[in-house]
Amino acid sequence: MSRVVVVGTDTDIGKTIFAAGLTKALGATYLKPVQSGLEGETDSQTVARLSGQPVLPELVRLKLPASPHISAEAEGRKIDPSELTLPDSTGPLVIEGAGGLLVPINRELLYLDLISAWQYPVVLCARTRLGTINHSLLSVRALKAAGCPVIGIAFIGDAEPEVEQTIVDFGETNHLGCLPILNPLTPETLADAFQAIDIVSIREAMT
């Protein structure tokens, strides 16, 4: 199956926007396995609006905008890994993670454990702002130590070529391009900006 996992070094770095652009560029279907926080537009709704592509229902939906294990416990439940079995799909599938890699699903399971078990190629999204070198290299090392096939890093924000090159050099991984912060953010501006992303490398890693 042609699948790719989009993860981030942290929350609120633009990972969902990147996932929307990637879903559109690949002509893919999108899945967010765990959604924590249901007020306002969810990640799945954002991707549907920006990509115009099919979006699968979340496997777990939680009301509280917090780490999934805390959100679930607030509802008196615990997320069972069996709830996160990925559905069958035709064509390419973009799977978006939640927050950073070490976000707990429950008190025994981290999101990184799921990604490692899936063994699908991974794109790491990283901001370009101050502090990104540390966050990015820690995330790359965590992915590689868990045996995850890392395609490379996609940067989000104002271009910082020296910083970006430092990260990919130390991380021994690929530079997949830099997606700027878009204003206005529309399906058209996202599609135009996404031409700077190395879709060819991502697509090849998925086959």
N, C-alpha and C. Protein backbone atom coordinates (compact mmCIF):
# COMPACT_ATOMS: atom_id res chain seq x y z
N MET A 1 0.83 -1.19 0.00
CA MET A 1 0.00 0.00 0.00
C MET A 1 0.87 1.25 0.00
N SER A 2 0.46 2.26 -0.74
CA SER A 2 1.20 3.50 -0.89
C SER A 2 0.79 4.48 0.21
N ARG A 3 1.62 4.54 1.27
CA ARG A 3 1.27 5.35 2.43
C ARG A 3 2.47 6.14 2.92
N VAL A 4 2.20 7.30 3.53
CA VAL A 4 3.24 8.13 4.10
C VAL A 4 2.71 8.74 5.38
N VAL A 5 3.59 8.86 6.38
CA VAL A 5 3.22 9.44 7.67
C VAL A 5 3.86 10.81 7.79
N VAL A 6 3.06 11.81 8.11
CA VAL A 6 3.54 13.17 8.33
C VAL A 6 3.56 13.45 9.83
N VAL A 7 4.75 13.75 10.35
CA VAL A 7 4.90 14.02 11.77
C VAL A 7 5.57 15.38 11.94
N GLY A 8 5.56 15.90 13.17
CA GLY A 8 6.16 17.20 13.43
C GLY A 8 7.07 17.16 14.64
N THR A 9 7.91 18.17 14.73
CA THR A 9 8.80 18.28 15.88
C THR A 9 8.05 18.79 17.11
N ASP A 10 6.87 19.36 16.90
CA ASP A 10 6.10 19.97 17.99
C ASP A 10 4.69 20.21 17.48
N THR A 11 3.84 20.77 18.34
CA THR A 11 2.49 21.12 17.92
C THR A 11 2.47 22.54 17.36
N ASP A 12 1.46 22.83 16.53
CA ASP A 12 1.26 24.17 15.97
C ASP A 12 2.46 24.68 15.16
N ILE A 13 3.05 23.81 14.35
CA ILE A 13 4.16 24.25 13.51
C ILE A 13 3.78 24.31 12.03
N GLY A 14 2.52 23.93 11.71
CA GLY A 14 2.09 23.94 10.32
C GLY A 14 2.04 22.57 9.69
N LYS A 15 2.12 21.54 10.51
CA LYS A 15 2.12 20.16 10.00
C LYS A 15 0.83 19.82 9.25
N THR A 16 -0.30 20.29 9.76
CA THR A 16 -1.57 19.99 9.09
C THR A 16 -1.65 20.69 7.74
N ILE A 17 -1.13 21.92 7.66
CA ILE A 17 -1.11 22.63 6.38
C ILE A 17 -0.23 21.87 5.38
N PHE A 18 0.92 21.41 5.86
CA PHE A 18 1.80 20.62 4.99
C PHE A 18 1.07 19.35 4.55
N ALA A 19 0.40 18.68 5.48
CA ALA A 19 -0.31 17.44 5.14
C ALA A 19 -1.39 17.70 4.10
N ALA A 20 -2.05 18.85 4.19
CA ALA A 20 -3.07 19.20 3.19
C ALA A 20 -2.43 19.39 1.82
N GLY A 21 -1.31 20.11 1.78
CA GLY A 21 -0.62 20.30 0.50
C GLY A 21 -0.13 19.00 -0.08
N LEU A 22 0.38 18.12 0.78
CA LEU A 22 0.88 16.82 0.31
C LEU A 22 -0.25 15.95 -0.20
N THR A 23 -1.37 15.95 0.52
CA THR A 23 -2.53 15.17 0.10
C THR A 23 -2.99 15.60 -1.29
N LYS A 24 -3.03 16.91 -1.52
CA LYS A 24 -3.43 17.43 -2.83
C LYS A 24 -2.40 17.05 -3.90
N ALA A 25 -1.12 17.24 -3.60
CA ALA A 25 -0.07 16.99 -4.59
C ALA A 25 -0.01 15.52 -5.00
N LEU A 26 -0.31 14.63 -4.05
CA LEU A 26 -0.27 13.19 -4.33
C LEU A 26 -1.59 12.66 -4.88
N GLY A 27 -2.62 13.48 -4.86
CA GLY A 27 -3.96 12.97 -5.21
C GLY A 27 -4.38 11.89 -4.25
N ALA A 28 -4.08 12.11 -2.96
CA ALA A 28 -4.22 11.07 -1.93
C ALA A 28 -5.49 11.23 -1.12
N THR A 29 -5.72 10.24 -0.26
CA THR A 29 -6.72 10.31 0.80
C THR A 29 -5.98 10.64 2.09
N TYR A 30 -6.66 11.30 3.02
CA TYR A 30 -6.04 11.75 4.27
C TYR A 30 -6.69 11.06 5.47
N LEU A 31 -5.85 10.77 6.48
CA LEU A 31 -6.36 10.20 7.73
C LEU A 31 -5.61 10.80 8.91
N LYS A 32 -6.36 11.28 9.89
CA LYS A 32 -5.81 11.70 11.19
C LYS A 32 -6.31 10.66 12.19
N PRO A 33 -5.47 9.71 12.61
CA PRO A 33 -5.95 8.63 13.47
C PRO A 33 -6.57 9.10 14.79
N VAL A 34 -5.93 10.10 15.44
CA VAL A 34 -6.44 10.57 16.73
C VAL A 34 -6.63 12.08 16.65
N GLN A 35 -7.85 12.53 16.95
CA GLN A 35 -8.14 13.96 17.00
C GLN A 35 -8.47 14.34 18.44
N SER A 36 -7.62 15.18 19.04
CA SER A 36 -7.87 15.69 20.39
C SER A 36 -8.28 17.16 20.27
N GLY A 37 -9.52 17.44 20.63
CA GLY A 37 -10.05 18.79 20.50
C GLY A 37 -11.02 18.88 19.34
N LEU A 38 -12.29 19.16 19.66
CA LEU A 38 -13.33 19.16 18.62
C LEU A 38 -13.96 20.52 18.41
N GLU A 39 -13.52 21.53 19.17
CA GLU A 39 -14.06 22.86 18.96
C GLU A 39 -13.37 23.52 17.77
N GLY A 40 -14.14 24.26 16.98
CA GLY A 40 -13.56 24.89 15.81
C GLY A 40 -13.29 23.87 14.71
N GLU A 41 -12.49 24.28 13.74
CA GLU A 41 -12.18 23.41 12.60
C GLU A 41 -11.15 22.36 13.01
N THR A 42 -11.46 21.09 12.82
CA THR A 42 -10.51 20.03 13.13
C THR A 42 -9.47 19.92 12.02
N ASP A 43 -8.41 19.17 12.29
CA ASP A 43 -7.37 18.97 11.28
C ASP A 43 -7.94 18.32 10.02
N SER A 44 -8.82 17.35 10.20
CA SER A 44 -9.43 16.68 9.04
C SER A 44 -10.25 17.66 8.20
N GLN A 45 -10.98 18.55 8.87
CA GLN A 45 -11.77 19.54 8.15
C GLN A 45 -10.88 20.53 7.42
N THR A 46 -9.76 20.91 8.06
CA THR A 46 -8.81 21.81 7.41
C THR A 46 -8.24 21.18 6.15
N VAL A 47 -7.84 19.91 6.25
CA VAL A 47 -7.26 19.23 5.09
C VAL A 47 -8.30 19.07 3.98
N ALA A 48 -9.52 18.74 4.35
CA ALA A 48 -10.58 18.61 3.35
C ALA A 48 -10.80 19.94 2.61
N ARG A 49 -10.80 21.04 3.36
CA ARG A 49 -11.03 22.36 2.77
C ARG A 49 -9.89 22.78 1.86
N LEU A 50 -8.65 22.52 2.28
CA LEU A 50 -7.49 23.01 1.53
C LEU A 50 -7.07 22.08 0.40
N SER A 51 -7.36 20.80 0.53
CA SER A 51 -6.90 19.84 -0.48
C SER A 51 -7.97 19.46 -1.49
N GLY A 52 -9.23 19.47 -1.06
CA GLY A 52 -10.29 19.00 -1.93
C GLY A 52 -10.26 17.50 -2.16
N GLN A 53 -9.46 16.79 -1.35
CA GLN A 53 -9.29 15.35 -1.50
C GLN A 53 -10.13 14.60 -0.45
N PRO A 54 -10.33 13.29 -0.64
CA PRO A 54 -11.10 12.51 0.34
C PRO A 54 -10.42 12.48 1.70
N VAL A 55 -11.22 12.53 2.73
CA VAL A 55 -10.73 12.48 4.11
C VAL A 55 -11.48 11.38 4.85
N LEU A 56 -10.73 10.45 5.44
CA LEU A 56 -11.34 9.36 6.20
C LEU A 56 -11.71 9.85 7.61
N PRO A 57 -12.73 9.26 8.23
CA PRO A 57 -13.07 9.64 9.60
C PRO A 57 -11.94 9.30 10.56
N GLU A 58 -11.72 10.15 11.56
CA GLU A 58 -10.73 9.86 12.59
C GLU A 58 -11.08 8.54 13.29
N LEU A 59 -10.06 7.80 13.69
CA LEU A 59 -10.29 6.54 14.39
C LEU A 59 -10.69 6.78 15.84
N VAL A 60 -10.16 7.84 16.44
CA VAL A 60 -10.49 8.22 17.81
C VAL A 60 -10.73 9.73 17.82
N ARG A 61 -11.87 10.15 18.37
CA ARG A 61 -12.21 11.57 18.49
C ARG A 61 -12.40 11.92 19.97
N LEU A 62 -11.65 12.91 20.43
CA LEU A 62 -11.68 13.29 21.84
C LEU A 62 -11.96 14.78 21.95
N LYS A 63 -12.74 15.16 22.94
CA LYS A 63 -13.20 16.55 23.05
C LYS A 63 -12.11 17.51 23.52
N LEU A 64 -11.30 17.09 24.50
CA LEU A 64 -10.35 18.00 25.13
C LEU A 64 -9.12 18.21 24.25
N PRO A 65 -8.72 19.46 23.97
CA PRO A 65 -7.50 19.70 23.19
C PRO A 65 -6.26 19.54 24.05
N ALA A 66 -5.80 18.31 24.18
CA ALA A 66 -4.65 17.99 25.03
C ALA A 66 -4.00 16.73 24.48
N SER A 67 -2.97 16.25 25.17
CA SER A 67 -2.38 14.98 24.79
C SER A 67 -3.46 13.90 24.78
N PRO A 68 -3.45 12.99 23.79
CA PRO A 68 -4.53 12.00 23.69
C PRO A 68 -4.80 11.22 24.98
N HIS A 69 -3.74 10.87 25.73
CA HIS A 69 -3.99 10.08 26.94
C HIS A 69 -4.74 10.90 27.98
N ILE A 70 -4.45 12.19 28.04
CA ILE A 70 -5.16 13.06 28.99
C ILE A 70 -6.59 13.32 28.51
N SER A 71 -6.75 13.55 27.21
CA SER A 71 -8.08 13.78 26.65
C SER A 71 -8.98 12.57 26.86
N ALA A 72 -8.41 11.38 26.65
CA ALA A 72 -9.20 10.16 26.85
C ALA A 72 -9.59 9.97 28.31
N GLU A 73 -8.64 10.20 29.20
CA GLU A 73 -8.93 10.02 30.63
C GLU A 73 -9.97 11.01 31.11
N ALA A 74 -10.01 12.20 30.50
CA ALA A 74 -11.03 13.19 30.86
C ALA A 74 -12.43 12.69 30.51
N GLU A 75 -12.51 11.73 29.57
CA GLU A 75 -13.78 11.14 29.19
C GLU A 75 -13.99 9.78 29.84
N GLY A 76 -13.10 9.45 30.79
CA GLY A 76 -13.24 8.20 31.53
C GLY A 76 -12.89 6.97 30.73
N ARG A 77 -11.95 7.11 29.81
CA ARG A 77 -11.60 5.98 28.97
C ARG A 77 -10.10 5.92 28.74
N LYS A 78 -9.65 4.84 28.15
CA LYS A 78 -8.26 4.64 27.76
C LYS A 78 -8.25 4.18 26.32
N ILE A 79 -7.40 4.78 25.50
CA ILE A 79 -7.32 4.39 24.10
C ILE A 79 -6.66 3.03 23.99
N ASP A 80 -7.35 2.10 23.37
CA ASP A 80 -6.79 0.77 23.12
C ASP A 80 -6.10 0.78 21.76
N PRO A 81 -4.90 0.22 21.66
CA PRO A 81 -4.20 0.21 20.37
C PRO A 81 -5.02 -0.42 19.24
N SER A 82 -5.92 -1.34 19.58
CA SER A 82 -6.74 -1.97 18.55
C SER A 82 -7.66 -0.96 17.86
N GLU A 83 -7.94 0.16 18.53
CA GLU A 83 -8.77 1.21 17.93
C GLU A 83 -8.03 1.94 16.82
N LEU A 84 -6.72 1.78 16.77
CA LEU A 84 -5.90 2.54 15.84
C LEU A 84 -5.38 1.69 14.69
N THR A 85 -6.07 0.59 14.41
CA THR A 85 -5.75 -0.22 13.24
C THR A 85 -6.11 0.56 11.98
N LEU A 86 -5.16 0.77 11.11
CA LEU A 86 -5.40 1.59 9.93
C LEU A 86 -6.34 0.87 8.96
N PRO A 87 -7.30 1.60 8.41
CA PRO A 87 -8.26 0.98 7.49
C PRO A 87 -7.62 0.68 6.14
N ASP A 88 -8.22 -0.25 5.42
CA ASP A 88 -7.80 -0.49 4.04
C ASP A 88 -8.16 0.73 3.21
N SER A 89 -7.34 1.01 2.22
CA SER A 89 -7.60 2.16 1.35
C SER A 89 -7.04 1.87 -0.03
N THR A 90 -7.63 2.51 -1.02
CA THR A 90 -7.11 2.40 -2.38
C THR A 90 -6.40 3.71 -2.72
N GLY A 91 -5.30 3.59 -3.43
CA GLY A 91 -4.54 4.78 -3.77
C GLY A 91 -3.69 5.24 -2.61
N PRO A 92 -2.94 6.32 -2.79
CA PRO A 92 -2.06 6.82 -1.73
C PRO A 92 -2.83 7.35 -0.53
N LEU A 93 -2.23 7.19 0.66
CA LEU A 93 -2.83 7.64 1.91
C LEU A 93 -1.82 8.46 2.69
N VAL A 94 -2.21 9.66 3.10
CA VAL A 94 -1.40 10.52 3.96
C VAL A 94 -1.94 10.40 5.38
N ILE A 95 -1.08 9.96 6.30
CA ILE A 95 -1.46 9.76 7.70
C ILE A 95 -0.76 10.84 8.53
N GLU A 96 -1.53 11.65 9.25
CA GLU A 96 -0.94 12.72 10.05
C GLU A 96 -0.88 12.35 11.52
N GLY A 97 0.29 12.49 12.11
CA GLY A 97 0.45 12.24 13.53
C GLY A 97 -0.10 13.37 14.37
N ALA A 98 0.06 13.25 15.69
CA ALA A 98 -0.47 14.24 16.63
C ALA A 98 0.68 14.88 17.39
N GLY A 99 0.81 16.22 17.29
CA GLY A 99 1.86 16.90 18.03
C GLY A 99 3.24 16.38 17.67
N GLY A 100 4.07 16.15 18.68
CA GLY A 100 5.40 15.60 18.46
C GLY A 100 5.40 14.09 18.52
N LEU A 101 6.58 13.50 18.37
CA LEU A 101 6.70 12.05 18.30
C LEU A 101 6.44 11.35 19.61
N LEU A 102 6.77 11.98 20.72
CA LEU A 102 6.66 11.31 22.02
C LEU A 102 5.40 11.69 22.76
N VAL A 103 4.36 12.00 22.00
CA VAL A 103 3.04 12.25 22.58
C VAL A 103 2.43 10.92 23.01
N PRO A 104 1.97 10.79 24.27
CA PRO A 104 1.39 9.52 24.72
C PRO A 104 -0.01 9.28 24.14
N ILE A 105 -0.24 8.05 23.70
CA ILE A 105 -1.57 7.59 23.30
C ILE A 105 -2.33 7.13 24.54
N ASN A 106 -1.64 6.39 25.37
CA ASN A 106 -2.14 6.02 26.70
C ASN A 106 -0.93 5.98 27.63
N ARG A 107 -1.08 5.43 28.82
CA ARG A 107 0.01 5.47 29.79
C ARG A 107 1.16 4.50 29.47
N GLU A 108 0.97 3.67 28.43
CA GLU A 108 2.02 2.71 28.06
C GLU A 108 2.54 2.91 26.64
N LEU A 109 1.83 3.68 25.82
CA LEU A 109 2.11 3.72 24.38
C LEU A 109 2.32 5.16 23.91
N LEU A 110 3.43 5.39 23.20
CA LEU A 110 3.70 6.69 22.60
C LEU A 110 3.35 6.65 21.11
N TYR A 111 3.11 7.84 20.55
CA TYR A 111 2.80 7.89 19.12
C TYR A 111 3.95 7.31 18.29
N LEU A 112 5.18 7.51 18.73
CA LEU A 112 6.33 6.95 18.02
C LEU A 112 6.24 5.43 17.94
N ASP A 113 5.70 4.80 18.97
CA ASP A 113 5.55 3.34 18.95
C ASP A 113 4.62 2.90 17.82
N LEU A 114 3.55 3.66 17.61
CA LEU A 114 2.62 3.35 16.52
C LEU A 114 3.32 3.51 15.17
N ILE A 115 4.02 4.62 15.00
CA ILE A 115 4.68 4.90 13.73
C ILE A 115 5.72 3.82 13.43
N SER A 116 6.44 3.40 14.45
CA SER A 116 7.44 2.35 14.27
C SER A 116 6.78 1.04 13.86
N ALA A 117 5.63 0.73 14.45
CA ALA A 117 4.92 -0.51 14.12
C ALA A 117 4.37 -0.47 12.69
N TRP A 118 3.92 0.70 12.26
CA TRP A 118 3.38 0.81 10.90
C TRP A 118 4.45 0.58 9.84
N GLN A 119 5.65 1.10 10.06
CA GLN A 119 6.77 0.96 9.11
C GLN A 119 6.48 1.59 7.75
N TYR A 120 5.74 2.67 7.75
CA TYR A 120 5.55 3.45 6.52
C TYR A 120 6.58 4.59 6.49
N PRO A 121 6.96 5.05 5.32
CA PRO A 121 7.93 6.15 5.24
C PRO A 121 7.39 7.41 5.90
N VAL A 122 8.30 8.18 6.48
CA VAL A 122 7.93 9.32 7.32
C VAL A 122 8.53 10.61 6.77
N VAL A 123 7.71 11.66 6.75
CA VAL A 123 8.19 13.02 6.51
C VAL A 123 8.12 13.77 7.84
N LEU A 124 9.24 14.35 8.25
CA LEU A 124 9.28 15.15 9.47
C LEU A 124 9.14 16.62 9.12
N CYS A 125 8.14 17.29 9.68
CA CYS A 125 7.96 18.72 9.50
C CYS A 125 8.63 19.46 10.65
N ALA A 126 9.38 20.50 10.32
CA ALA A 126 10.10 21.27 11.33
C ALA A 126 9.94 22.75 11.04
N ARG A 127 9.78 23.54 12.08
CA ARG A 127 9.74 25.00 11.91
C ARG A 127 11.14 25.51 11.62
N THR A 128 11.23 26.73 11.12
CA THR A 128 12.54 27.32 10.84
C THR A 128 12.95 28.30 11.93
N ARG A 129 12.10 28.53 12.92
CA ARG A 129 12.41 29.52 13.95
C ARG A 129 13.48 29.02 14.91
N LEU A 130 13.96 29.96 15.75
CA LEU A 130 15.00 29.66 16.73
C LEU A 130 14.62 28.45 17.59
N GLY A 131 15.56 27.55 17.79
CA GLY A 131 15.32 26.33 18.56
C GLY A 131 15.08 25.11 17.72
N THR A 132 14.94 25.32 16.41
CA THR A 132 14.57 24.19 15.55
C THR A 132 15.69 23.16 15.39
N ILE A 133 16.94 23.58 15.50
CA ILE A 133 18.02 22.60 15.33
C ILE A 133 17.92 21.51 16.39
N ASN A 134 17.77 21.89 17.63
CA ASN A 134 17.67 20.91 18.71
C ASN A 134 16.43 20.03 18.54
N HIS A 135 15.28 20.65 18.33
CA HIS A 135 14.03 19.87 18.21
C HIS A 135 14.08 18.91 17.02
N SER A 136 14.61 19.41 15.92
CA SER A 136 14.63 18.60 14.69
C SER A 136 15.57 17.41 14.82
N LEU A 137 16.78 17.66 15.33
CA LEU A 137 17.75 16.56 15.44
C LEU A 137 17.32 15.53 16.47
N LEU A 138 16.69 15.97 17.56
CA LEU A 138 16.15 15.01 18.52
C LEU A 138 15.08 14.13 17.86
N SER A 139 14.23 14.75 17.04
CA SER A 139 13.16 14.01 16.39
C SER A 139 13.70 13.02 15.36
N VAL A 140 14.69 13.46 14.58
CA VAL A 140 15.30 12.55 13.59
C VAL A 140 15.94 11.36 14.29
N ARG A 141 16.66 11.62 15.36
CA ARG A 141 17.31 10.53 16.09
C ARG A 141 16.28 9.56 16.67
N ALA A 142 15.19 10.11 17.19
CA ALA A 142 14.14 9.25 17.76
C ALA A 142 13.53 8.37 16.68
N LEU A 143 13.25 8.94 15.53
CA LEU A 143 12.67 8.16 14.43
C LEU A 143 13.62 7.05 13.98
N LYS A 144 14.88 7.39 13.79
CA LYS A 144 15.84 6.40 13.31
C LYS A 144 16.09 5.32 14.36
N ALA A 145 16.15 5.71 15.64
CA ALA A 145 16.36 4.73 16.70
C ALA A 145 15.20 3.75 16.79
N ALA A 146 14.00 4.22 16.42
CA ALA A 146 12.81 3.37 16.45
C ALA A 146 12.66 2.55 15.17
N GLY A 147 13.61 2.72 14.24
CA GLY A 147 13.58 1.94 13.01
C GLY A 147 12.61 2.45 11.97
N CYS A 148 12.24 3.73 12.06
CA CYS A 148 11.30 4.31 11.11
C CYS A 148 12.04 4.77 9.84
N PRO A 149 11.51 4.46 8.66
CA PRO A 149 12.14 4.92 7.42
C PRO A 149 11.85 6.41 7.18
N VAL A 150 12.85 7.25 7.38
CA VAL A 150 12.69 8.69 7.27
C VAL A 150 13.00 9.15 5.84
N ILE A 151 12.03 9.77 5.19
CA ILE A 151 12.26 10.29 3.84
C ILE A 151 13.13 11.54 3.92
N GLY A 152 12.79 12.42 4.84
CA GLY A 152 13.53 13.67 4.98
C GLY A 152 12.74 14.67 5.80
N ILE A 153 13.23 15.91 5.79
CA ILE A 153 12.62 16.98 6.58
C ILE A 153 12.04 18.04 5.66
N ALA A 154 10.80 18.44 5.93
CA ALA A 154 10.18 19.57 5.26
C ALA A 154 10.11 20.72 6.26
N PHE A 155 10.67 21.85 5.89
CA PHE A 155 10.71 23.00 6.79
C PHE A 155 9.51 23.90 6.53
N ILE A 156 9.05 24.57 7.60
CA ILE A 156 7.89 25.43 7.50
C ILE A 156 8.21 26.78 8.15
N GLY A 157 8.06 27.86 7.38
CA GLY A 157 8.36 29.20 7.88
C GLY A 157 9.26 29.94 6.92
N ASP A 158 9.79 31.07 7.37
CA ASP A 158 10.73 31.83 6.56
C ASP A 158 12.00 31.00 6.34
N ALA A 159 12.47 30.97 5.12
CA ALA A 159 13.64 30.16 4.80
C ALA A 159 14.86 30.59 5.62
N GLU A 160 15.56 29.60 6.17
CA GLU A 160 16.81 29.81 6.91
C GLU A 160 17.81 28.78 6.38
N PRO A 161 18.37 29.04 5.20
CA PRO A 161 19.18 28.02 4.52
C PRO A 161 20.30 27.43 5.36
N GLU A 162 21.03 28.25 6.10
CA GLU A 162 22.14 27.73 6.89
C GLU A 162 21.65 26.81 8.00
N VAL A 163 20.58 27.22 8.66
CA VAL A 163 20.00 26.40 9.73
C VAL A 163 19.47 25.09 9.15
N GLU A 164 18.75 25.18 8.05
CA GLU A 164 18.16 23.99 7.44
C GLU A 164 19.26 23.01 7.01
N GLN A 165 20.33 23.53 6.42
CA GLN A 165 21.41 22.66 5.98
C GLN A 165 22.12 22.01 7.17
N THR A 166 22.26 22.75 8.24
CA THR A 166 22.86 22.19 9.45
C THR A 166 22.06 20.99 9.93
N ILE A 167 20.75 21.12 9.92
CA ILE A 167 19.88 20.04 10.41
C ILE A 167 19.99 18.80 9.52
N VAL A 168 19.90 18.99 8.21
CA VAL A 168 19.94 17.81 7.34
C VAL A 168 21.32 17.17 7.33
N ASP A 169 22.37 17.97 7.51
CA ASP A 169 23.73 17.41 7.56
C ASP A 169 23.91 16.56 8.82
N PHE A 170 23.61 17.13 9.98
CA PHE A 170 23.76 16.36 11.21
C PHE A 170 22.76 15.20 11.28
N GLY A 171 21.57 15.42 10.73
CA GLY A 171 20.55 14.37 10.76
C GLY A 171 20.76 13.30 9.70
N GLU A 172 21.68 13.55 8.78
CA GLU A 172 21.96 12.62 7.68
C GLU A 172 20.67 12.21 6.99
N THR A 173 19.93 13.23 6.57
CA THR A 173 18.66 13.00 5.91
C THR A 173 18.48 14.00 4.78
N ASN A 174 17.33 13.95 4.12
CA ASN A 174 17.10 14.76 2.93
C ASN A 174 16.37 16.06 3.25
N HIS A 175 16.68 17.10 2.52
CA HIS A 175 15.97 18.37 2.59
C HIS A 175 14.85 18.30 1.55
N LEU A 176 13.59 18.36 2.04
CA LEU A 176 12.44 18.21 1.15
C LEU A 176 11.82 19.53 0.73
N GLY A 177 12.46 20.64 1.13
CA GLY A 177 11.94 21.94 0.74
C GLY A 177 11.43 22.72 1.93
N CYS A 178 11.05 23.97 1.66
CA CYS A 178 10.58 24.87 2.71
C CYS A 178 9.25 25.48 2.28
N LEU A 179 8.24 25.31 3.12
CA LEU A 179 6.90 25.84 2.87
C LEU A 179 6.73 27.11 3.70
N PRO A 180 6.51 28.26 3.07
CA PRO A 180 6.37 29.50 3.84
C PRO A 180 5.03 29.57 4.57
N ILE A 181 4.95 30.46 5.56
CA ILE A 181 3.67 30.76 6.19
C ILE A 181 2.85 31.56 5.19
N LEU A 182 1.66 31.08 4.87
CA LEU A 182 0.87 31.66 3.79
C LEU A 182 -0.22 32.59 4.31
N ASN A 183 -0.28 33.78 3.75
CA ASN A 183 -1.33 34.73 4.09
C ASN A 183 -1.67 35.53 2.84
N PRO A 184 -2.82 35.23 2.22
CA PRO A 184 -3.88 34.34 2.71
C PRO A 184 -3.54 32.87 2.48
N LEU A 185 -4.15 32.03 3.29
CA LEU A 185 -4.02 30.59 3.12
C LEU A 185 -5.27 30.08 2.42
N THR A 186 -5.12 29.70 1.18
CA THR A 186 -6.22 29.19 0.37
C THR A 186 -5.75 27.93 -0.35
N PRO A 187 -6.66 27.16 -0.91
CA PRO A 187 -6.22 26.00 -1.70
C PRO A 187 -5.26 26.40 -2.82
N GLU A 188 -5.49 27.58 -3.41
CA GLU A 188 -4.66 28.01 -4.53
C GLU A 188 -3.26 28.42 -4.06
N THR A 189 -3.19 29.22 -2.98
CA THR A 189 -1.86 29.65 -2.52
C THR A 189 -1.05 28.48 -1.98
N LEU A 190 -1.73 27.50 -1.36
CA LEU A 190 -1.03 26.33 -0.85
C LEU A 190 -0.49 25.49 -2.00
N ALA A 191 -1.31 25.28 -3.01
CA ALA A 191 -0.86 24.48 -4.16
C ALA A 191 0.33 25.15 -4.85
N ASP A 192 0.28 26.47 -4.97
CA ASP A 192 1.39 27.19 -5.60
C ASP A 192 2.67 27.05 -4.77
N ALA A 193 2.56 27.27 -3.45
CA ALA A 193 3.73 27.20 -2.58
C ALA A 193 4.30 25.80 -2.51
N PHE A 194 3.45 24.81 -2.68
CA PHE A 194 3.89 23.42 -2.55
C PHE A 194 4.76 22.97 -3.71
N GLN A 195 4.85 23.78 -4.74
CA GLN A 195 5.74 23.44 -5.85
C GLN A 195 7.21 23.46 -5.42
N ALA A 196 7.48 24.09 -4.26
CA ALA A 196 8.85 24.11 -3.74
C ALA A 196 9.20 22.84 -2.96
N ILE A 197 8.23 21.96 -2.75
CA ILE A 197 8.44 20.72 -1.99
C ILE A 197 8.84 19.59 -2.93
N ASP A 198 9.76 18.77 -2.49
CA ASP A 198 10.29 17.65 -3.29
C ASP A 198 9.30 16.48 -3.27
N ILE A 199 8.27 16.61 -4.07
CA ILE A 199 7.24 15.57 -4.15
C ILE A 199 7.80 14.29 -4.76
N VAL A 200 8.75 14.43 -5.67
CA VAL A 200 9.30 13.26 -6.35
C VAL A 200 9.93 12.29 -5.35
N SER A 201 10.73 12.81 -4.41
CA SER A 201 11.37 11.95 -3.42
C SER A 201 10.35 11.28 -2.51
N ILE A 202 9.31 12.03 -2.16
CA ILE A 202 8.27 11.48 -1.29
C ILE A 202 7.53 10.36 -2.02
N ARG A 203 7.17 10.64 -3.26
CA ARG A 203 6.43 9.64 -4.03
C ARG A 203 7.26 8.37 -4.24
N GLU A 204 8.53 8.55 -4.55
CA GLU A 204 9.40 7.39 -4.77
C GLU A 204 9.54 6.55 -3.50
N ALA A 205 9.60 7.21 -2.33
CA ALA A 205 9.73 6.47 -1.08
C ALA A 205 8.47 5.68 -0.74
N MET A 206 7.34 6.09 -1.31
CA MET A 206 6.07 5.43 -1.02
C MET A 206 5.84 4.20 -1.87
N THR A 207 6.66 4.00 -2.90
CA THR A 207 6.43 2.89 -3.82
C THR A 207 7.27 1.68 -3.45
